[in-house]
Amino acid sequence: MQKTLTIKKDNCPQNHPCPAVKVCPVGALSQTDHNAPIIDQSKCIRCGKCSTFCPKKALVLE
């Protein structure tokens, strides 16, 4: 079974630039203003770098 990256918005403070967006090696994460990041599932390679880097553990690979 293939894992899927999801965002737990309750954990995401959404008041600053998301640091995990910059570590995505394929550009699957984007952010508008200071809202929660948006995942492009078609680009995501499910490497887990963003979920490891997210300080609030709002990005989850499950």
N, C-alpha and C. Protein backbone atom coordinates (compact mmCIF):
# COMPACT_ATOMS: atom_id res chain seq x y z
N MET A 1 0.84 -1.18 0.00
CA MET A 1 0.00 0.00 0.00
C MET A 1 0.89 1.25 0.00
N GLN A 2 0.56 2.18 -0.85
CA GLN A 2 1.34 3.41 -0.98
C GLN A 2 0.91 4.42 0.08
N LYS A 3 1.90 5.06 0.69
CA LYS A 3 1.62 6.07 1.71
C LYS A 3 1.16 7.37 1.05
N THR A 4 0.45 8.18 1.82
CA THR A 4 -0.05 9.47 1.34
C THR A 4 0.36 10.55 2.32
N LEU A 5 0.80 11.68 1.79
CA LEU A 5 1.15 12.82 2.62
C LEU A 5 -0.12 13.62 2.89
N THR A 6 -0.37 13.92 4.16
CA THR A 6 -1.53 14.71 4.56
C THR A 6 -1.09 15.84 5.49
N ILE A 7 -1.96 16.81 5.63
CA ILE A 7 -1.70 17.94 6.52
C ILE A 7 -2.71 17.90 7.67
N LYS A 8 -2.19 17.93 8.89
CA LYS A 8 -3.05 18.05 10.07
C LYS A 8 -3.12 19.54 10.39
N LYS A 9 -4.15 20.19 9.86
CA LYS A 9 -4.26 21.65 9.98
C LYS A 9 -4.35 22.12 11.42
N ASP A 10 -4.84 21.27 12.33
CA ASP A 10 -4.90 21.66 13.74
C ASP A 10 -3.50 21.83 14.32
N ASN A 11 -2.52 21.13 13.76
CA ASN A 11 -1.14 21.23 14.24
C ASN A 11 -0.38 22.37 13.56
N CYS A 12 -0.86 22.83 12.43
CA CYS A 12 -0.15 23.83 11.63
C CYS A 12 -0.52 25.24 12.13
N PRO A 13 0.48 26.02 12.57
CA PRO A 13 0.17 27.36 13.08
C PRO A 13 -0.31 28.33 12.01
N GLN A 14 0.05 28.12 10.75
CA GLN A 14 -0.42 28.93 9.62
C GLN A 14 -0.21 30.43 9.82
N ASN A 15 0.86 30.81 10.44
CA ASN A 15 1.11 32.23 10.64
C ASN A 15 2.54 32.62 10.27
N HIS A 16 3.17 31.78 9.48
CA HIS A 16 4.55 32.02 9.08
C HIS A 16 4.86 31.23 7.81
N PRO A 17 5.96 31.54 7.15
CA PRO A 17 6.35 30.72 5.99
C PRO A 17 6.65 29.29 6.46
N CYS A 18 6.08 28.33 5.79
CA CYS A 18 6.28 26.93 6.15
C CYS A 18 7.70 26.49 5.81
N PRO A 19 8.49 26.08 6.80
CA PRO A 19 9.87 25.67 6.52
C PRO A 19 9.96 24.39 5.70
N ALA A 20 8.94 23.54 5.77
CA ALA A 20 8.98 22.27 5.05
C ALA A 20 8.86 22.45 3.54
N VAL A 21 8.26 23.56 3.09
CA VAL A 21 8.10 23.81 1.66
C VAL A 21 9.47 23.84 0.97
N LYS A 22 10.46 24.41 1.63
CA LYS A 22 11.78 24.57 1.03
C LYS A 22 12.58 23.26 0.94
N VAL A 23 12.24 22.26 1.74
CA VAL A 23 13.02 21.02 1.73
C VAL A 23 12.48 19.98 0.76
N CYS A 24 11.32 20.21 0.18
CA CYS A 24 10.74 19.24 -0.76
C CYS A 24 11.61 19.19 -2.01
N PRO A 25 12.18 18.02 -2.33
CA PRO A 25 13.08 17.92 -3.48
C PRO A 25 12.40 18.00 -4.84
N VAL A 26 11.07 17.86 -4.87
CA VAL A 26 10.37 17.87 -6.16
C VAL A 26 9.35 18.99 -6.28
N GLY A 27 9.29 19.89 -5.30
CA GLY A 27 8.37 21.01 -5.36
C GLY A 27 6.91 20.64 -5.22
N ALA A 28 6.63 19.61 -4.43
CA ALA A 28 5.24 19.16 -4.26
C ALA A 28 4.47 19.99 -3.24
N LEU A 29 5.17 20.82 -2.47
CA LEU A 29 4.51 21.67 -1.49
C LEU A 29 4.57 23.12 -1.93
N SER A 30 3.48 23.82 -1.73
CA SER A 30 3.45 25.26 -1.99
C SER A 30 2.67 25.92 -0.87
N GLN A 31 2.81 27.23 -0.77
CA GLN A 31 2.11 27.95 0.29
C GLN A 31 1.71 29.32 -0.23
N THR A 32 0.46 29.71 0.04
CA THR A 32 -0.04 31.02 -0.32
C THR A 32 -0.16 31.83 0.96
N ASP A 33 0.44 33.02 0.94
CA ASP A 33 0.48 33.86 2.14
C ASP A 33 1.06 33.02 3.28
N HIS A 34 0.39 32.97 4.40
CA HIS A 34 0.86 32.14 5.52
C HIS A 34 -0.17 31.09 5.88
N ASN A 35 -0.88 30.61 4.88
CA ASN A 35 -1.84 29.53 5.09
C ASN A 35 -1.11 28.20 5.17
N ALA A 36 -1.84 27.15 5.50
CA ALA A 36 -1.26 25.81 5.53
C ALA A 36 -0.74 25.47 4.13
N PRO A 37 0.33 24.70 4.06
CA PRO A 37 0.85 24.33 2.74
C PRO A 37 -0.15 23.49 1.95
N ILE A 38 0.01 23.53 0.65
CA ILE A 38 -0.82 22.74 -0.27
C ILE A 38 0.06 21.65 -0.86
N ILE A 39 -0.45 20.44 -0.90
CA ILE A 39 0.30 19.30 -1.42
C ILE A 39 -0.17 18.99 -2.83
N ASP A 40 0.77 18.91 -3.75
CA ASP A 40 0.47 18.43 -5.11
C ASP A 40 0.80 16.95 -5.10
N GLN A 41 -0.22 16.12 -4.91
CA GLN A 41 0.00 14.67 -4.79
C GLN A 41 0.61 14.07 -6.06
N SER A 42 0.38 14.71 -7.21
CA SER A 42 0.94 14.18 -8.46
C SER A 42 2.46 14.36 -8.52
N LYS A 43 3.00 15.32 -7.76
CA LYS A 43 4.45 15.54 -7.72
C LYS A 43 5.12 14.83 -6.54
N CYS A 44 4.38 14.61 -5.47
CA CYS A 44 4.94 14.06 -4.23
C CYS A 44 5.51 12.66 -4.47
N ILE A 45 6.77 12.46 -4.05
CA ILE A 45 7.41 11.14 -4.19
C ILE A 45 7.41 10.37 -2.87
N ARG A 46 6.75 10.93 -1.86
CA ARG A 46 6.57 10.29 -0.56
C ARG A 46 7.90 9.94 0.11
N CYS A 47 8.85 10.88 0.04
CA CYS A 47 10.16 10.66 0.63
C CYS A 47 10.16 10.92 2.13
N GLY A 48 9.22 11.74 2.62
CA GLY A 48 9.11 12.02 4.04
C GLY A 48 9.97 13.15 4.56
N LYS A 49 10.72 13.81 3.68
CA LYS A 49 11.59 14.91 4.14
C LYS A 49 10.79 16.01 4.80
N CYS A 50 9.67 16.39 4.21
CA CYS A 50 8.87 17.49 4.76
C CYS A 50 8.28 17.11 6.11
N SER A 51 7.81 15.87 6.24
CA SER A 51 7.21 15.47 7.52
C SER A 51 8.26 15.39 8.62
N THR A 52 9.47 15.03 8.27
CA THR A 52 10.55 15.02 9.25
C THR A 52 10.95 16.43 9.63
N PHE A 53 10.92 17.35 8.68
CA PHE A 53 11.37 18.72 8.89
C PHE A 53 10.33 19.60 9.57
N CYS A 54 9.06 19.27 9.46
CA CYS A 54 7.98 20.10 10.01
C CYS A 54 8.10 20.17 11.54
N PRO A 55 8.32 21.37 12.10
CA PRO A 55 8.52 21.47 13.55
C PRO A 55 7.28 21.15 14.37
N LYS A 56 6.10 21.29 13.79
CA LYS A 56 4.85 21.02 14.52
C LYS A 56 4.24 19.67 14.17
N LYS A 57 4.92 18.89 13.32
CA LYS A 57 4.44 17.57 12.90
C LYS A 57 3.06 17.65 12.27
N ALA A 58 2.84 18.73 11.50
CA ALA A 58 1.57 18.90 10.81
C ALA A 58 1.52 18.14 9.49
N LEU A 59 2.69 17.85 8.92
CA LEU A 59 2.76 17.05 7.69
C LEU A 59 3.02 15.60 8.08
N VAL A 60 2.13 14.73 7.65
CA VAL A 60 2.19 13.33 8.06
C VAL A 60 2.19 12.43 6.83
N LEU A 61 3.13 11.50 6.79
CA LEU A 61 3.18 10.51 5.72
C LEU A 61 2.66 9.20 6.29
N GLU A 62 1.45 8.82 5.85
CA GLU A 62 0.84 7.60 6.39
C GLU A 62 0.15 6.80 5.32
